[in-house]
Amino acid sequence: MESSQEKPEVKIKYCLYARKSTEDDEKQALSIDSQIKEALDLAKQENLEVVEIRRESHSAKDSGQRPVFAKLLEDIRKGLFNGILCWAPDRLSRNAGDLGSIVDLMDQKLLLDIRTHGQKFANTPNEKFLLMILCSQAKLENDHKGENVKRGLRAKCDMGWRPGMAPLGYIHDKEVQKGQKRILVDAERAPVIVKMFEKIAYEDYSGRRLLDWFNKEIKFTTRSGCKIALSGIYRILKDTFYYGQFEYPVGGGNWYDGKHEPLITKDLFIKVQEKLSVTPRRHPGTHEFDFTRLIYCGACGSSISAEEKFKYQKNGNKHRYVYYHCSKGKDRDCKQPAIREEELLKQLLYLIDKIDLDELEAQGQIKREVARYRKFSYGILGQDINFEKRPIDIDTRNYAKYILIEGSKDEKRELLTCLRSRLELKDRLMSLKISGSN
């Protein structure tokens, strides 16, 4: 009887995995290209079969956040690879979750070997334990670095220097080493910031008026050369840093006295906050009018919005007027005049009289509405039980005009959205513009 033959040794197919985070904690790590070069040199010396090379630029501090690494583990489960080649164990994992996935694959005998520069981790208890120690050490280093960074930021705040980018109107002193940079006054922009607070406090400027002043009168730009946005203006006006105090982190409740030079006094800052809170900002769109969002400005292309005004008489009567005008969404300087709702409706009725009925895609819908009304008036109210056999004879044009005069807001909107052409208002005159034409 022939002796049983030993099982042939399983050939290991390696995937070369190179990773480098762009975060500060790994700036000293080898670049991806350097890792690949070192690993390929090792593969050549050890006669290792590298089937594929995979690169990833992502931090390994958090579990399940690396798509390339996740695909690598999936392909190992499928049997495409049974070995990993990388520069160091911390390239594979700096967290317990990903480390557990690697060890689990080794326990299942799907991952047979891990090679790094100067180390080998086979599927043995001792070598798996060593791998876990080295990756756990990398996690410990990350945890310590996070604590050290937070401690350093707190120490910087205690010294009176706010971490992060200096607010507009200040610059960092670049002549000192990192970590000791002071915040200096920006001689070019600081006077403008001061003037900005004064215009709100003493000249009753609004945020929008300030924006026009910035962009049209003084041509103000940020440090990056961009125009300032309206949201940026309000952010500056609410920043306590400008009178010498700051909160860090924002919302954390920890306040510090800054060592930087204040641009304004606390009294001026408080006065500005009072001015900003006098009139709550109105949110557009809280009141819906009959014909808004259906008509466009013929001059600048912005949508037409509306506002209501009231006139009170001495006898106690109150009159309500609705005016439609350009919203100036595309051109803040659009000078198109407003038009009363009564005049707007009059012109819409005139257009309905003049348009070809084919322009109105609502004819079928109008007939269905008439049929529904007939069913109610004749059937429900007990009138003429033979109404359904009678043909529907309806004047579509007059019915459309009736909807514009007596219909609900939703009915008016639904009717006008059936027009094939766009409604435009220019110089208080309504017109229909075919879509796509100039």
Protein backbone atom coordinates (compact mmCIF):
# COMPACT_ATOMS: atom_id res chain seq x y z
CA MET A 1 0.00 0.00 0.00
CA GLU A 2 1.34 3.39 -1.03
CA SER A 3 2.00 5.98 1.66
CA SER A 4 -0.29 8.96 1.64
CA GLN A 5 1.19 12.04 0.02
CA GLU A 6 1.46 15.32 1.90
CA LYS A 7 -0.83 18.14 0.82
CA PRO A 8 0.89 20.58 -1.55
CA GLU A 9 1.81 23.92 -0.06
CA VAL A 10 -0.74 26.64 -0.83
CA LYS A 11 0.67 29.37 -3.05
CA ILE A 12 0.24 32.80 -1.54
CA LYS A 13 -1.04 35.59 -3.77
CA TYR A 14 -0.30 38.99 -2.30
CA CYS A 15 -2.09 42.26 -2.72
CA LEU A 16 0.19 45.23 -2.16
CA TYR A 17 -1.70 47.81 -0.07
CA ALA A 18 -0.26 51.32 0.28
CA ARG A 19 -1.98 53.98 2.36
CA LYS A 20 -1.16 57.51 3.43
CA SER A 21 -3.45 59.85 5.32
CA THR A 22 -3.53 63.53 4.44
CA GLU A 23 -4.10 64.39 8.09
CA ASP A 24 -1.47 66.05 10.25
CA ASP A 25 -0.80 62.97 12.35
CA GLU A 26 0.70 61.11 9.40
CA LYS A 27 2.57 63.83 7.54
CA GLN A 28 5.85 62.08 8.34
CA ALA A 29 4.74 58.73 6.90
CA LEU A 30 6.27 57.56 3.66
CA SER A 31 4.43 58.66 0.55
CA ILE A 32 2.38 56.06 -1.31
CA ASP A 33 4.91 55.82 -4.14
CA SER A 34 7.75 55.27 -1.65
CA GLN A 35 5.77 52.55 0.13
CA ILE A 36 5.12 50.76 -3.16
CA LYS A 37 8.78 50.95 -4.17
CA GLU A 38 9.97 49.53 -0.82
CA ALA A 39 7.33 46.79 -0.88
CA LEU A 40 8.15 45.76 -4.47
CA ASP A 41 11.84 45.58 -3.57
CA LEU A 42 10.92 43.28 -0.66
CA ALA A 43 8.74 41.14 -2.94
CA LYS A 44 11.64 40.77 -5.38
CA GLN A 45 14.07 39.77 -2.63
CA GLU A 46 11.66 37.26 -1.05
CA ASN A 47 10.29 36.00 -4.38
CA LEU A 48 6.72 36.97 -3.47
CA GLU A 49 3.91 36.99 -6.05
CA VAL A 50 2.21 40.39 -6.06
CA VAL A 51 -1.06 40.03 -7.95
CA GLU A 52 -2.32 43.59 -7.58
CA ILE A 53 -1.37 46.98 -6.15
CA ARG A 54 -3.96 49.11 -4.37
CA ARG A 55 -3.54 52.69 -3.16
CA GLU A 56 -5.59 54.70 -0.69
CA SER A 57 -5.38 58.22 0.72
CA HIS A 58 -7.46 58.01 3.86
CA SER A 59 -7.03 57.95 7.62
CA ALA A 60 -7.21 54.56 9.36
CA LYS A 61 -8.26 55.99 12.72
CA ASP A 62 -11.95 55.12 12.26
CA SER A 63 -13.36 51.72 11.44
CA GLY A 64 -15.10 51.06 8.12
CA GLN A 65 -14.21 54.41 6.54
CA ARG A 66 -11.77 53.21 3.87
CA PRO A 67 -13.44 51.99 0.66
CA VAL A 68 -10.26 50.53 -0.88
CA PHE A 69 -9.41 48.61 2.29
CA ALA A 70 -13.01 47.34 2.57
CA LYS A 71 -12.83 46.06 -1.03
CA LEU A 72 -9.52 44.36 -0.23
CA LEU A 73 -11.10 42.43 2.66
CA GLU A 74 -14.05 41.51 0.44
CA ASP A 75 -11.72 40.18 -2.29
CA ILE A 76 -9.81 38.14 0.29
CA ARG A 77 -13.09 36.51 1.31
CA LYS A 78 -13.72 35.73 -2.37
CA GLY A 79 -10.32 34.07 -2.65
CA LEU A 80 -8.68 36.58 -5.00
CA PHE A 81 -5.83 37.09 -2.50
CA ASN A 82 -4.61 35.23 0.57
CA GLY A 83 -1.74 37.53 1.51
CA ILE A 84 -1.15 41.24 2.12
CA LEU A 85 2.06 43.14 1.49
CA CYS A 86 2.42 46.59 3.04
CA TRP A 87 5.02 48.94 4.49
CA ALA A 88 4.06 48.62 8.18
CA PRO A 89 1.21 47.19 10.33
CA ASP A 90 -0.20 50.67 11.00
CA ARG A 91 -0.84 51.03 7.25
CA LEU A 92 -3.49 48.33 7.68
CA SER A 93 -5.19 49.48 10.85
CA ARG A 94 -5.16 52.09 13.58
CA ASN A 95 -8.49 51.03 15.07
CA ALA A 96 -9.92 47.95 16.76
CA GLY A 97 -12.67 47.32 14.19
CA ASP A 98 -10.46 46.92 11.12
CA LEU A 99 -7.87 44.97 13.15
CA GLY A 100 -10.60 42.54 14.22
CA SER A 101 -11.61 42.01 10.57
CA ILE A 102 -8.01 41.16 9.61
CA VAL A 103 -7.52 38.71 12.47
CA ASP A 104 -10.92 37.14 11.73
CA LEU A 105 -9.84 36.46 8.15
CA MET A 106 -6.67 34.82 9.45
CA ASP A 107 -8.72 32.66 11.86
CA GLN A 108 -10.85 31.53 8.91
CA LYS A 109 -7.63 30.63 7.02
CA LEU A 110 -8.60 33.02 4.23
CA LEU A 111 -5.67 35.32 4.98
CA LEU A 112 -2.50 33.25 5.35
CA ASP A 113 0.29 35.77 5.46
CA ILE A 114 0.98 39.46 6.03
CA ARG A 115 4.37 40.87 5.10
CA THR A 116 5.74 44.25 6.12
CA HIS A 117 9.17 45.83 5.95
CA GLY A 118 11.25 43.57 8.25
CA GLN A 119 8.34 41.56 9.70
CA LYS A 120 6.23 38.54 8.81
CA PHE A 121 2.84 37.63 10.30
CA ALA A 122 1.68 34.10 9.52
CA ASN A 123 -1.50 32.44 10.74
CA THR A 124 0.00 31.35 14.06
CA PRO A 125 -1.09 32.38 17.58
CA ASN A 126 2.16 34.16 18.43
CA GLU A 127 2.42 36.11 15.17
CA LYS A 128 -1.26 37.10 15.23
CA PHE A 129 -0.77 38.28 18.81
CA LEU A 130 2.25 40.36 17.76
CA LEU A 131 0.22 41.88 14.89
CA MET A 132 -2.55 42.83 17.30
CA ILE A 133 -0.05 44.42 19.68
CA LEU A 134 1.55 46.54 16.94
CA CYS A 135 -1.81 47.72 15.52
CA SER A 136 -3.11 48.40 19.04
CA GLN A 137 0.00 50.45 19.69
CA ALA A 138 -0.83 52.53 16.59
CA LYS A 139 -4.34 53.09 17.97
CA LEU A 140 -2.89 54.11 21.34
CA GLU A 141 -0.64 56.64 19.59
CA ASN A 142 -3.67 58.10 17.80
CA ASP A 143 -5.61 58.41 21.04
CA HIS A 144 -2.67 60.12 22.74
CA LYS A 145 -2.20 62.49 19.81
CA GLY A 146 -5.85 63.52 20.00
CA GLU A 147 -5.54 64.27 23.70
CA ASN A 148 -2.27 66.11 23.16
CA VAL A 149 -3.80 68.27 20.44
CA LYS A 150 -6.76 69.19 22.64
CA ARG A 151 -4.45 69.99 25.54
CA GLY A 152 -2.33 72.17 23.27
CA LEU A 153 -5.38 74.06 22.01
CA ARG A 154 -6.57 74.68 25.57
CA ALA A 155 -3.13 75.96 26.53
CA LYS A 156 -3.14 78.28 23.52
CA CYS A 157 -6.56 79.64 24.54
CA ASP A 158 -5.32 80.17 28.11
CA MET A 159 -2.49 82.24 26.66
CA GLY A 160 -5.09 84.43 24.90
CA TRP A 161 -4.70 83.23 21.30
CA ARG A 162 -7.70 81.74 19.50
CA PRO A 163 -6.81 78.62 17.46
CA GLY A 164 -7.63 78.45 13.78
CA MET A 165 -7.87 81.02 11.02
CA ALA A 166 -7.78 84.63 12.13
CA PRO A 167 -11.08 86.48 11.48
CA LEU A 168 -11.32 89.00 8.67
CA GLY A 169 -9.54 92.15 9.79
CA TYR A 170 -6.68 90.21 11.38
CA ILE A 171 -3.69 88.24 10.09
CA HIS A 172 -1.30 85.74 11.64
CA ASP A 173 2.28 86.72 12.39
CA LYS A 174 4.22 84.46 10.02
CA GLU A 175 7.66 85.38 11.33
CA VAL A 176 7.49 83.09 14.38
CA GLN A 177 7.50 79.31 14.53
CA LYS A 178 4.38 77.18 14.33
CA GLY A 179 2.37 77.07 17.55
CA GLN A 180 3.57 80.48 18.67
CA LYS A 181 1.99 82.64 15.98
CA ARG A 182 0.36 85.82 17.21
CA ILE A 183 -2.74 87.43 15.72
CA LEU A 184 -2.03 90.90 14.34
CA VAL A 185 -4.30 93.63 12.99
CA ASP A 186 -4.69 93.63 9.20
CA ALA A 187 -3.85 97.25 8.39
CA GLU A 188 -5.68 97.02 5.05
CA ARG A 189 -9.00 95.50 6.15
CA ALA A 190 -9.32 96.37 9.86
CA PRO A 191 -10.47 100.00 9.25
CA VAL A 192 -13.21 98.72 6.94
CA ILE A 193 -14.41 96.24 9.57
CA VAL A 194 -14.58 99.03 12.16
CA LYS A 195 -16.52 101.22 9.72
CA MET A 196 -18.87 98.31 9.14
CA PHE A 197 -19.85 98.14 12.82
CA GLU A 198 -20.24 101.92 12.97
CA LYS A 199 -22.56 102.02 9.96
CA ILE A 200 -24.87 99.51 11.63
CA ALA A 201 -24.79 101.27 15.02
CA TYR A 202 -24.94 104.93 13.99
CA GLU A 203 -26.20 105.07 10.38
CA ASP A 204 -28.88 102.35 10.58
CA TYR A 205 -27.40 100.33 7.73
CA SER A 206 -28.95 96.93 7.02
CA GLY A 207 -26.96 93.85 6.08
CA ARG A 208 -28.02 94.16 2.45
CA ARG A 209 -27.07 97.83 2.35
CA LEU A 210 -23.67 96.95 3.83
CA LEU A 211 -23.20 94.35 1.11
CA ASP A 212 -23.85 96.97 -1.58
CA TRP A 213 -21.40 99.32 0.17
CA PHE A 214 -18.75 96.60 0.25
CA ASN A 215 -19.14 95.53 -3.37
CA LYS A 216 -19.95 98.80 -5.14
CA GLU A 217 -18.41 101.65 -3.22
CA ILE A 218 -15.18 100.36 -1.69
CA LYS A 219 -14.64 97.15 -3.76
CA PHE A 220 -13.79 95.20 -0.60
CA THR A 221 -12.40 91.66 -0.93
CA THR A 222 -11.42 88.93 1.51
CA ARG A 223 -7.84 87.70 1.96
CA SER A 224 -8.41 85.22 -0.86
CA GLY A 225 -9.50 88.02 -3.21
CA CYS A 226 -13.22 87.10 -3.20
CA LYS A 227 -16.19 89.37 -2.57
CA ILE A 228 -17.73 89.04 0.86
CA ALA A 229 -21.13 87.33 1.09
CA LEU A 230 -24.14 88.53 3.05
CA SER A 231 -23.79 85.57 5.44
CA GLY A 232 -20.17 86.59 6.01
CA ILE A 233 -21.27 90.09 7.00
CA TYR A 234 -23.64 88.79 9.67
CA ARG A 235 -20.99 86.35 10.89
CA ILE A 236 -18.57 89.26 11.45
CA LEU A 237 -21.21 91.40 13.17
CA LYS A 238 -21.89 88.64 15.72
CA ASP A 239 -18.26 87.74 16.43
CA THR A 240 -17.14 88.81 19.94
CA PHE A 241 -13.51 88.43 18.86
CA TYR A 242 -13.58 91.99 17.53
CA TYR A 243 -13.99 93.49 21.03
CA GLY A 244 -11.40 91.16 22.61
CA GLN A 245 -13.13 87.96 23.81
CA PHE A 246 -13.69 84.59 22.20
CA GLU A 247 -15.40 81.27 22.92
CA TYR A 248 -13.57 78.05 22.14
CA PRO A 249 -14.84 75.71 21.01
CA VAL A 250 -17.89 77.60 19.75
CA GLY A 251 -20.83 76.53 21.85
CA GLY A 252 -18.60 74.97 24.49
CA GLY A 253 -19.24 77.69 27.06
CA ASN A 254 -15.52 78.39 27.64
CA TRP A 255 -14.71 82.10 27.23
CA TYR A 256 -11.24 83.62 27.05
CA ASP A 257 -9.78 87.12 27.05
CA GLY A 258 -7.75 87.50 23.89
CA LYS A 259 -4.28 89.03 23.69
CA HIS A 260 -5.01 90.42 20.24
CA GLU A 261 -5.78 94.10 19.77
CA PRO A 262 -9.57 94.73 19.78
CA LEU A 263 -10.95 96.61 16.78
CA ILE A 264 -14.07 97.89 18.54
CA THR A 265 -15.36 98.45 22.06
CA LYS A 266 -17.76 96.11 23.80
CA ASP A 267 -20.30 98.94 23.98
CA LEU A 268 -20.24 99.33 20.20
CA PHE A 269 -20.66 95.56 19.77
CA ILE A 270 -23.68 95.52 22.11
CA LYS A 271 -25.24 98.47 20.25
CA VAL A 272 -24.86 96.59 16.95
CA GLN A 273 -26.55 93.50 18.43
CA GLU A 274 -29.44 95.67 19.60
CA LYS A 275 -29.81 97.15 16.11
CA LEU A 276 -29.78 93.70 14.52
CA SER A 277 -32.46 92.42 16.88
CA VAL A 278 -34.86 95.37 16.60
CA THR A 279 -36.69 94.05 13.55
CA PRO A 280 -36.74 90.26 13.09
CA ARG A 281 -35.66 89.27 9.62
CA ARG A 282 -38.62 88.36 7.47
CA HIS A 283 -38.43 85.10 5.63
CA PRO A 284 -39.56 85.31 2.00
CA GLY A 285 -42.36 83.05 0.96
CA THR A 286 -44.31 83.12 4.23
CA HIS A 287 -47.27 84.80 2.44
CA GLU A 288 -48.45 83.32 -0.83
CA PHE A 289 -50.09 85.62 -3.38
CA ASP A 290 -52.24 84.50 -6.32
CA PHE A 291 -49.78 85.06 -9.17
CA THR A 292 -46.29 84.77 -7.63
CA ARG A 293 -43.86 82.14 -9.00
CA LEU A 294 -45.78 82.18 -12.30
CA ILE A 295 -44.52 85.41 -13.89
CA TYR A 296 -40.98 86.56 -14.70
CA CYS A 297 -39.38 89.96 -15.12
CA GLY A 298 -39.00 90.77 -18.81
CA ALA A 299 -35.92 92.89 -18.11
CA CYS A 300 -33.65 90.72 -15.95
CA GLY A 301 -35.35 87.31 -15.87
CA SER A 302 -35.96 87.25 -12.10
CA SER A 303 -39.23 85.90 -10.76
CA ILE A 304 -42.02 88.34 -9.93
CA SER A 305 -42.83 88.66 -6.23
CA ALA A 306 -45.58 90.56 -4.44
CA GLU A 307 -46.21 92.54 -1.29
CA GLU A 308 -49.33 93.92 0.35
CA LYS A 309 -49.86 97.41 1.68
CA PHE A 310 -52.67 98.87 3.74
CA LYS A 311 -54.20 102.34 3.74
CA TYR A 312 -56.14 103.51 6.76
CA GLN A 313 -58.79 106.23 6.45
CA LYS A 314 -59.94 108.64 9.15
CA ASN A 315 -63.36 106.96 9.27
CA GLY A 316 -61.69 103.69 10.31
CA ASN A 317 -61.88 101.93 6.95
CA LYS A 318 -58.87 99.88 5.89
CA HIS A 319 -57.97 99.22 2.24
CA ARG A 320 -55.65 96.46 1.13
CA TYR A 321 -53.51 96.76 -1.99
CA VAL A 322 -51.27 94.10 -3.55
CA TYR A 323 -48.33 95.14 -5.73
CA TYR A 324 -46.32 92.82 -7.99
CA HIS A 325 -42.71 93.69 -8.79
CA CYS A 326 -39.37 92.17 -9.79
CA SER A 327 -37.77 90.17 -6.97
CA LYS A 328 -34.31 91.32 -8.18
CA GLY A 329 -32.97 87.83 -7.64
CA LYS A 330 -30.74 88.06 -10.71
CA ASP A 331 -30.11 91.80 -10.77
CA ARG A 332 -30.17 93.84 -7.57
CA ASP A 333 -30.29 97.05 -9.64
CA CYS A 334 -33.34 96.13 -11.73
CA LYS A 335 -35.51 99.27 -11.97
CA GLN A 336 -38.76 97.75 -13.23
CA PRO A 337 -41.81 99.48 -11.67
CA ALA A 338 -44.45 97.68 -9.60
CA ILE A 339 -47.98 97.00 -10.82
CA ARG A 340 -51.23 96.73 -8.86
CA GLU A 341 -52.90 93.30 -8.75
CA GLU A 342 -56.09 94.70 -10.32
CA GLU A 343 -54.14 95.94 -13.35
CA LEU A 344 -52.23 92.67 -13.56
CA LEU A 345 -55.47 90.68 -13.57
CA LYS A 346 -56.93 92.99 -16.22
CA GLN A 347 -53.97 92.28 -18.52
CA LEU A 348 -54.18 88.53 -17.88
CA LEU A 349 -57.84 88.56 -18.94
CA TYR A 350 -56.85 90.47 -22.07
CA LEU A 351 -54.23 87.81 -22.88
CA ILE A 352 -56.78 85.03 -22.43
CA ASP A 353 -59.00 86.82 -24.96
CA LYS A 354 -56.16 87.05 -27.49
CA ILE A 355 -54.36 83.71 -27.24
CA ASP A 356 -55.05 80.73 -29.47
CA LEU A 357 -56.97 78.14 -27.43
CA ASP A 358 -54.31 75.60 -28.41
CA GLU A 359 -52.01 77.68 -26.21
CA LEU A 360 -54.13 76.61 -23.24
CA GLU A 361 -53.39 72.99 -22.45
CA ALA A 362 -56.11 72.94 -19.80
CA GLN A 363 -59.10 72.36 -22.10
CA GLY A 364 -59.41 68.68 -21.20
CA GLN A 365 -59.08 69.46 -17.52
CA ILE A 366 -61.67 72.26 -17.78
CA LYS A 367 -64.17 69.85 -19.34
CA ARG A 368 -63.58 67.34 -16.56
CA GLU A 369 -64.18 70.06 -13.95
CA VAL A 370 -67.45 71.02 -15.67
CA ALA A 371 -68.53 67.38 -15.76
CA ARG A 372 -67.75 67.06 -12.05
CA TYR A 373 -69.79 70.17 -11.29
CA ARG A 374 -72.72 68.89 -13.36
CA LYS A 375 -72.62 65.61 -11.50
CA PHE A 376 -72.86 67.49 -8.22
CA SER A 377 -75.52 70.02 -9.22
CA TYR A 378 -77.76 67.63 -11.14
CA GLY A 379 -77.09 64.30 -9.46
CA ILE A 380 -76.55 65.19 -5.80
CA LEU A 381 -79.13 68.01 -5.76
CA GLY A 382 -81.72 65.84 -7.52
CA GLN A 383 -81.92 67.78 -10.77
CA ASP A 384 -82.32 66.21 -14.25
CA ILE A 385 -81.17 62.60 -13.88
CA ASN A 386 -80.35 62.43 -17.61
CA PHE A 387 -77.57 65.05 -17.36
CA GLU A 388 -74.80 62.51 -18.08
CA LYS A 389 -76.22 61.80 -21.57
CA ARG A 390 -76.01 65.43 -22.59
CA PRO A 391 -72.87 66.59 -24.36
CA ILE A 392 -70.58 69.04 -22.57
CA ASP A 393 -70.68 72.36 -24.39
CA ILE A 394 -68.30 74.74 -22.65
CA ASP A 395 -66.71 78.02 -23.63
CA THR A 396 -63.13 77.30 -22.57
CA ARG A 397 -62.01 80.92 -22.88
CA ASN A 398 -64.76 82.29 -20.65
CA TYR A 399 -64.28 79.52 -18.12
CA ALA A 400 -60.55 80.38 -17.92
CA LYS A 401 -61.44 84.04 -17.36
CA TYR A 402 -63.92 83.03 -14.68
CA ILE A 403 -61.18 81.07 -12.86
CA LEU A 404 -58.85 84.10 -12.95
CA ILE A 405 -61.55 86.30 -11.41
CA GLU A 406 -63.42 84.03 -9.01
CA GLY A 407 -61.25 80.96 -8.62
CA SER A 408 -59.15 80.05 -5.62
CA LYS A 409 -55.42 80.72 -5.51
CA ASP A 410 -54.65 77.09 -6.36
CA GLU A 411 -57.10 77.10 -9.28
CA LYS A 412 -55.51 80.26 -10.71
CA ARG A 413 -52.05 78.78 -10.41
CA GLU A 414 -53.11 75.50 -12.00
CA LEU A 415 -54.67 77.34 -14.92
CA LEU A 416 -51.66 79.57 -15.66
CA THR A 417 -49.20 76.67 -15.41
CA CYS A 418 -51.07 75.15 -18.37
CA LEU A 419 -49.84 77.92 -20.68
CA ARG A 420 -47.23 76.72 -23.13
CA SER A 421 -45.48 80.11 -23.12
CA ARG A 422 -43.88 81.99 -20.24
CA LEU A 423 -45.60 85.00 -18.71
CA GLU A 424 -43.39 88.08 -18.50
CA LEU A 425 -43.89 91.52 -17.01
CA LYS A 426 -41.95 94.52 -18.29
CA ASP A 427 -42.77 98.21 -17.93
CA ARG A 428 -46.07 97.19 -16.29
CA LEU A 429 -47.09 95.26 -19.44
CA MET A 430 -47.83 91.52 -19.52
CA SER A 431 -46.73 89.38 -22.46
CA LEU A 432 -46.32 85.74 -23.43
CA LYS A 433 -42.83 84.59 -24.39
CA ILE A 434 -42.28 81.28 -26.13
CA SER A 435 -39.86 79.14 -24.11
CA GLY A 436 -36.32 79.28 -25.49
CA SER A 437 -36.82 82.49 -27.50
CA ASN A 438 -34.91 85.71 -26.80
